[in-house]
Amino acid sequence: MRRVGRRTSWAAASLAAVAVFAGAGHAVAEPASSGSASSGSSGFGSMDAGSVTSGSTVPEVWQDDPGPLPPLRDDIVVPEIVGETVTSPQVKRFLVASPSLRRVVGVDVLLPADTSAPRPTLYMLEGVGGGEDQSGWMYMTDAPKFFADKNVNVVMTNGGVASLYTDWDSPDKNLGVHKWETFITEELPPLIDARLKTNGVNAIAGNSMGAQGAMMLAHRRPDLYRGIAVFSGCYSTTDDVGRLSTQFTVSSRGGDIRNVWGSPGGSGWEAHDSVRHAEALRGKPIYMSVATGLAGRYEGPGTDLERIVVGGAIEAVANRCTKRLDQKLRDLGIPATVEYEARGVHAWAYWKDQLPKAWPTLERALGLTR
């Protein structure tokens, strides 16, 4: 297995930032003031020059260890919940047998205090690390406490390292089988609906890679999700910034980008580009947030330098990506609440802060407002 030291992690992040900004040809702009939709032109110009190729990946020496591959099974023929652990009256964890992923997947579930009436469901995705044992939303934020008084089921998938939460064209020798779109949109919802009291109303949220995945699933399945909340993501797959970000996400854990949707720039890549397919988001409450990459209130004396260097570089790229989708939504006349934070790096502490800010948008999407 690969193991990355701090020196090489910094190098990888720095290489990613330099490559992205070189491809875009612009420095990151200062953020607009927060509120409903940002102001001003994004100033991107043309970013579809095709300068990013299948060779634009993280070198092996700089790749992170994806962890052991989950064992694959050929005996799973129908999706089903095969295990349940109850941590508290409002916290459960399901084990779900998935034919598409050919394995058992963990799913963390938060329940409202009153489960007597049907209620909506919020699906939540996380970043590139995607732990198999528990969602980062459970232990890196106060999500269990935050949702305790909300009348909603919260469903958080486990796993999906560097998957983009999409269906890959081919299995990968380092990352295994990724058929996450099928699992999340086709296999899992009927099981949740059957096991929990649901009313058929769904929304989706995510951070980092999970933000890209959430927006991607929302534009590809507009019938399934009524609203979206995303934090620090990249939403294009075909402009230079988005294409490079996608390739770095996959290759950062040793994945072969050609196994995802074929060669970069092809029809599969275009089909997963949320900027190009932003029209599919019309009519849905949308919340997006991002910072600048500058050290913020959670970075001070004694802060790990890697957090500032790596987290800053990644968040700066996410800032550019968010501006691109923000601009596209405004061009189409699609309302969105976009929160640009003046400071902050790519870290859970900032996404924890964003959750209550996103809640009014999600609450409206889920039909919980009075």
Foldseek 3Di string as FASTA:
>chain_A
DAAADLVLLLVLLVLLLVQLCVLQVDAFDFFAAFWWFGDDALPRPAQQPPPDWLVLERDPNSAHALDDEADAAPPQDAKAFPDKDDPDPFKMKTWICDNQQRGTWIKIKGAEPDQPAAFAEEEEEEAQNFARPDDCCVPLAVVNVVCHHPHYMYIYIGDCHLPLQDAWQAAWPRHGGRHRLCCVPPRPPVNCVVVGRHDQAYAYEYEESRLQSRLLSCLVCVVRYQAYEYELYAAACRGSLNVSSSNHSNPSNPTRPCRGQHIRPDPSRRSRHCLNSVVSNANHAYEYEAEQLAADPVDDPPPDVSCSSSQSSSRNSSSSRVSSSSNSCVVVVGMYGYHYHHDDGRGSVVVNVCVVVCVVRVCVSRVNDD
